[in-house]
Amino acid sequence: MAASYNDRGEIFPALRSWRWAAAGAVLFVATVVAGDFIKSSGPSVPELGIDAALSRGRDTVLLALSEAIHYGFGPVGSTTLVVLICLYLAFFRRRPVQSLAFALVIIGGWLAATSAKVLVGRPRPPADVTDPMIIETGNNSFPSGHTAFAVSLALAVILVLTESKVQRAIALAGGALFVALVGFSRMYLGVHYLSDVIGSVFITAAGVLVVLPLWNRLLGPALPGTRPIRALQIRGRGREAREHNPEDSATVPPPD
């Protein structure tokens, strides 16, 4: 199987059709409607029992891990991580288009989750039941932003960075575990319902489906021809050539 990202700047070329964008829009609307329906049931929904059970006798190690995920993958931590990855791709690997593609997948998922939070406006689980370990206020429980970022990051790695079928399988398995861990941590801290976590997966996937055809048809093919992108790519190819053929750039010693 070919790499997810190709030399024409396309991300997963099979997802070029505008029908995928339409499918993403339908999925987004359906998930928002589902979230609004769940919200209308009030705070005392059956899934609240999961949060209540997790709040009893919290383990010190799991609590520390959950808090580390909360602060490490919050707005500042997640933004810093994405910026560092994009800078590495653009200036160290000399792959600026791939760097922008990686950022686009993250942004697409993040914008979808942020929009859904505003549209649904679901209150957080009641504090007297979940005994939350961190302070989260406002009607922005659905979907989970931390889980949405985890899904976006996993999809960005799978769709943009993997170069073989084996790499894709490893990234898929690792990404699924990462998303599950982040989702669990949000419920363990008592700040999200299970449906918030599940909704994050669908909302983020919807956002990525919407942006991929836009990139594959318009942005991706056009960017490699721009002057700044070409300059970075040429320098990158030159460095790769020197790394593969070091004798070509070595200084020839003078004859005796």
Protein backbone atom coordinates (compact mmCIF):
# COMPACT_ATOMS: atom_id res chain seq x y z
CA MET A 1 0.00 0.00 0.00
CA ALA A 2 1.31 3.44 -0.84
CA ALA A 3 2.15 6.11 1.71
CA SER A 4 -0.76 8.07 3.16
CA TYR A 5 0.88 11.32 2.04
CA ASN A 6 2.26 11.55 -1.51
CA ASP A 7 4.58 13.85 -3.46
CA ARG A 8 1.60 15.71 -4.98
CA GLY A 9 0.71 16.99 -1.53
CA GLU A 10 -2.35 14.79 -1.12
CA ILE A 11 -3.39 13.27 2.21
CA PHE A 12 -4.80 9.78 1.74
CA PRO A 13 -5.58 10.34 -1.98
CA ALA A 14 -8.61 8.05 -1.84
CA LEU A 15 -10.38 10.81 0.10
CA ARG A 16 -10.44 13.37 -2.72
CA SER A 17 -14.13 13.34 -3.57
CA TRP A 18 -16.37 16.11 -2.25
CA ARG A 19 -18.70 13.32 -1.18
CA TRP A 20 -16.39 12.72 1.76
CA ALA A 21 -16.82 16.33 2.82
CA ALA A 22 -20.59 15.90 2.57
CA ALA A 23 -20.36 12.71 4.62
CA GLY A 24 -18.33 14.56 7.24
CA ALA A 25 -20.91 17.35 7.40
CA VAL A 26 -23.73 14.81 7.86
CA LEU A 27 -21.76 13.02 10.58
CA PHE A 28 -21.11 16.32 12.34
CA VAL A 29 -24.78 17.32 12.32
CA ALA A 30 -25.89 13.86 13.44
CA THR A 31 -23.45 13.86 16.37
CA VAL A 32 -24.47 17.35 17.45
CA VAL A 33 -28.15 16.35 17.33
CA ALA A 34 -27.34 13.25 19.39
CA GLY A 35 -25.46 15.36 21.91
CA ASP A 36 -28.34 17.80 22.19
CA PHE A 37 -30.76 14.92 22.72
CA ILE A 38 -28.58 13.47 25.48
CA LYS A 39 -28.34 16.91 27.10
CA SER A 40 -32.14 17.21 27.15
CA SER A 41 -32.29 14.10 29.35
CA GLY A 42 -30.75 16.09 32.19
CA PRO A 43 -27.71 15.36 34.37
CA SER A 44 -29.04 12.19 36.00
CA VAL A 45 -28.58 9.94 32.99
CA PRO A 46 -27.58 6.26 33.42
CA GLU A 47 -24.02 6.97 32.29
CA LEU A 48 -23.56 9.20 35.35
CA GLY A 49 -23.22 5.97 37.31
CA ILE A 50 -19.90 5.31 35.53
CA ASP A 51 -18.51 8.65 36.70
CA ALA A 52 -19.81 8.03 40.21
CA ALA A 53 -18.19 4.58 40.33
CA LEU A 54 -14.85 5.96 39.11
CA SER A 55 -14.92 8.71 41.74
CA ARG A 56 -14.99 6.23 44.63
CA GLY A 57 -11.56 5.26 45.94
CA ARG A 58 -9.44 6.87 43.24
CA ASP A 59 -6.01 5.29 42.78
CA THR A 60 -3.06 7.62 43.37
CA VAL A 61 -1.16 6.52 40.26
CA LEU A 62 -4.18 6.74 37.96
CA LEU A 63 -5.08 10.12 39.41
CA ALA A 64 -1.57 11.46 38.83
CA LEU A 65 -1.61 10.12 35.25
CA SER A 66 -5.03 11.67 34.59
CA GLU A 67 -3.92 15.03 35.93
CA ALA A 68 -0.73 14.87 33.83
CA ILE A 69 -2.88 14.27 30.73
CA HIS A 70 -5.18 17.12 31.72
CA TYR A 71 -2.40 19.69 31.99
CA GLY A 72 -0.08 18.21 29.36
CA PHE A 73 -2.72 18.08 26.64
CA GLY A 74 -4.60 21.21 27.57
CA PRO A 75 -4.72 24.22 25.22
CA VAL A 76 -1.13 25.28 25.92
CA GLY A 77 0.42 21.82 25.94
CA SER A 78 -1.38 20.56 22.84
CA THR A 79 -0.65 23.74 20.86
CA THR A 80 3.03 23.57 21.82
CA LEU A 81 3.25 19.93 20.77
CA VAL A 82 1.65 20.55 17.37
CA VAL A 83 3.85 23.59 16.70
CA LEU A 84 7.02 21.63 17.56
CA ILE A 85 6.03 18.74 15.27
CA CYS A 86 5.23 21.12 12.42
CA LEU A 87 8.52 22.99 12.85
CA TYR A 88 10.41 19.70 12.85
CA LEU A 89 8.71 18.60 9.63
CA ALA A 90 9.14 21.95 7.90
CA PHE A 91 12.69 22.93 8.83
CA PHE A 92 14.48 19.78 9.95
CA ARG A 93 12.93 17.27 7.55
CA ARG A 94 12.44 20.00 4.90
CA ARG A 95 8.86 18.88 4.26
CA PRO A 96 6.85 22.10 4.59
CA VAL A 97 3.78 20.84 2.72
CA GLN A 98 3.62 17.78 4.95
CA SER A 99 3.96 20.09 7.95
CA LEU A 100 0.97 22.15 6.80
CA ALA A 101 -1.03 18.99 6.07
CA PHE A 102 -0.35 17.72 9.59
CA ALA A 103 -1.51 21.03 11.05
CA LEU A 104 -4.64 21.05 8.88
CA VAL A 105 -5.81 17.66 10.16
CA ILE A 106 -5.34 18.81 13.77
CA ILE A 107 -7.12 22.11 13.12
CA GLY A 108 -10.01 20.43 11.30
CA GLY A 109 -10.69 18.13 14.24
CA TRP A 110 -10.22 20.89 16.81
CA LEU A 111 -12.57 23.32 15.04
CA ALA A 112 -15.25 20.65 14.78
CA ALA A 113 -15.03 19.86 18.50
CA THR A 114 -15.02 23.53 19.51
CA SER A 115 -18.04 24.25 17.33
CA ALA A 116 -19.93 21.29 18.77
CA LYS A 117 -19.24 22.47 22.32
CA VAL A 118 -20.90 25.80 21.51
CA LEU A 119 -23.82 24.24 19.65
CA VAL A 120 -24.66 21.61 22.26
CA GLY A 121 -23.84 23.51 25.47
CA ARG A 122 -24.04 20.50 27.76
CA PRO A 123 -23.39 21.10 31.49
CA ARG A 124 -20.58 19.22 33.20
CA PRO A 125 -21.45 16.17 35.34
CA PRO A 126 -22.82 17.25 38.76
CA ALA A 127 -19.94 17.83 41.16
CA ASP A 128 -21.81 16.40 44.14
CA VAL A 129 -21.86 13.04 42.34
CA THR A 130 -18.49 12.88 40.57
CA ASP A 131 -16.34 14.79 43.09
CA PRO A 132 -14.20 16.32 40.29
CA MET A 133 -10.47 16.58 40.95
CA ILE A 134 -10.02 19.65 38.74
CA ILE A 135 -12.12 22.72 38.16
CA GLU A 136 -14.04 22.72 34.88
CA THR A 137 -16.88 25.22 34.56
CA GLY A 138 -19.34 26.18 31.85
CA ASN A 139 -21.72 24.34 29.57
CA ASN A 140 -19.05 22.78 27.37
CA SER A 141 -19.00 19.14 28.39
CA PHE A 142 -19.93 17.68 24.97
CA PRO A 143 -17.65 16.71 23.33
CA SER A 144 -14.47 16.24 25.36
CA GLY A 145 -11.84 18.64 24.05
CA HIS A 146 -8.90 16.61 25.37
CA THR A 147 -10.22 13.46 23.72
CA ALA A 148 -10.89 15.37 20.49
CA PHE A 149 -7.26 16.50 20.43
CA ALA A 150 -6.09 12.93 21.01
CA VAL A 151 -8.20 11.74 18.07
CA SER A 152 -6.95 14.61 15.88
CA LEU A 153 -3.33 13.86 16.74
CA ALA A 154 -3.76 10.14 16.06
CA LEU A 155 -5.44 10.81 12.71
CA ALA A 156 -2.75 13.32 11.73
CA VAL A 157 -0.04 10.75 12.39
CA ILE A 158 -1.90 7.99 10.53
CA LEU A 159 -2.94 10.09 7.55
CA VAL A 160 0.14 12.28 7.10
CA LEU A 161 3.21 10.69 8.67
CA THR A 162 2.93 6.96 8.03
CA GLU A 163 4.73 5.64 4.94
CA SER A 164 3.85 1.95 4.88
CA LYS A 165 1.10 -0.48 5.77
CA VAL A 166 3.02 -1.66 8.83
CA GLN A 167 3.57 1.88 10.09
CA ARG A 168 -0.11 2.62 9.57
CA ALA A 169 -1.15 -0.44 11.57
CA ILE A 170 1.19 0.47 14.42
CA ALA A 171 0.00 4.07 14.42
CA LEU A 172 -3.63 2.94 14.39
CA ALA A 173 -3.14 0.62 17.36
CA GLY A 174 -1.11 3.17 19.30
CA GLY A 175 -3.56 5.95 18.47
CA ALA A 176 -6.52 3.89 19.64
CA LEU A 177 -4.81 3.18 22.98
CA PHE A 178 -3.87 6.85 23.34
CA VAL A 179 -7.44 8.01 22.67
CA ALA A 180 -8.86 5.44 25.10
CA LEU A 181 -6.41 6.52 27.81
CA VAL A 182 -7.21 10.21 27.39
CA GLY A 183 -10.95 9.52 27.34
CA PHE A 184 -10.72 7.41 30.48
CA SER A 185 -8.73 10.13 32.24
CA ARG A 186 -11.47 12.69 31.59
CA MET A 187 -14.08 10.49 33.27
CA TYR A 188 -11.67 9.49 36.05
CA LEU A 189 -11.24 13.16 36.95
CA GLY A 190 -15.03 13.51 37.07
CA VAL A 191 -15.37 16.19 34.39
CA HIS A 192 -16.94 14.29 31.47
CA TYR A 193 -19.61 11.76 30.70
CA LEU A 194 -18.88 8.65 28.64
CA SER A 195 -20.98 10.09 25.79
CA ASP A 196 -18.75 13.19 25.77
CA VAL A 197 -15.76 10.96 25.08
CA ILE A 198 -17.50 8.87 22.43
CA GLY A 199 -18.92 11.99 20.78
CA SER A 200 -15.40 13.40 20.47
CA VAL A 201 -14.39 10.52 18.20
CA PHE A 202 -17.28 11.09 15.79
CA ILE A 203 -17.05 14.89 15.84
CA THR A 204 -13.31 14.90 15.18
CA ALA A 205 -13.60 12.34 12.40
CA ALA A 206 -16.32 14.51 10.84
CA GLY A 207 -14.08 17.57 10.89
CA VAL A 208 -11.20 15.70 9.28
CA LEU A 209 -13.47 14.27 6.57
CA VAL A 210 -14.59 17.80 5.69
CA VAL A 211 -11.08 19.26 5.35
CA LEU A 212 -9.41 16.38 3.48
CA PRO A 213 -11.12 16.94 0.10
CA LEU A 214 -10.47 20.67 0.48
CA TRP A 215 -6.78 19.96 0.94
CA ASN A 216 -6.50 17.22 -1.68
CA ARG A 217 -8.28 19.18 -4.42
CA LEU A 218 -7.21 22.77 -3.74
CA LEU A 219 -4.51 23.42 -1.17
CA GLY A 220 -2.22 20.39 -1.37
CA PRO A 221 -1.57 20.39 -5.14
CA ALA A 222 -1.05 24.16 -5.25
CA LEU A 223 1.41 24.61 -2.38
CA PRO A 224 4.45 22.72 -3.79
CA GLY A 225 4.70 25.27 -6.62
CA THR A 226 5.03 28.30 -4.34
CA ARG A 227 8.47 29.85 -3.95
CA PRO A 228 8.96 29.41 -0.15
CA ILE A 229 7.84 25.79 -0.28
CA ARG A 230 10.09 25.00 -3.26
CA ALA A 231 13.09 26.58 -1.54
CA LEU A 232 12.70 24.42 1.56
CA GLN A 233 12.09 21.28 -0.49
CA ILE A 234 15.17 21.84 -2.67
CA ARG A 235 17.36 22.34 0.39
CA GLY A 236 15.88 19.22 1.91
CA ARG A 237 16.58 17.11 -1.16
CA GLY A 238 20.14 18.41 -1.24
CA ARG A 239 20.73 17.40 2.35
CA GLU A 240 19.21 13.95 1.81
CA ALA A 241 21.49 13.43 -1.18
CA ARG A 242 24.55 14.31 0.91
CA GLU A 243 23.42 11.94 3.68
CA HIS A 244 22.99 9.05 1.23
CA ASN A 245 26.22 9.80 -0.68
CA PRO A 246 28.65 11.35 1.80
CA GLU A 247 31.63 10.66 -0.49
CA ASP A 248 30.22 13.13 -3.02
CA SER A 249 30.55 16.02 -0.60
CA ALA A 250 33.80 14.93 0.98
CA THR A 251 36.90 16.95 0.32
CA VAL A 252 39.32 15.13 -1.97
CA PRO A 253 42.81 15.13 -0.38
CA PRO A 254 45.63 16.58 -2.46
CA PRO A 255 48.01 14.10 -4.14
CA ASP A 256 51.31 13.28 -2.45
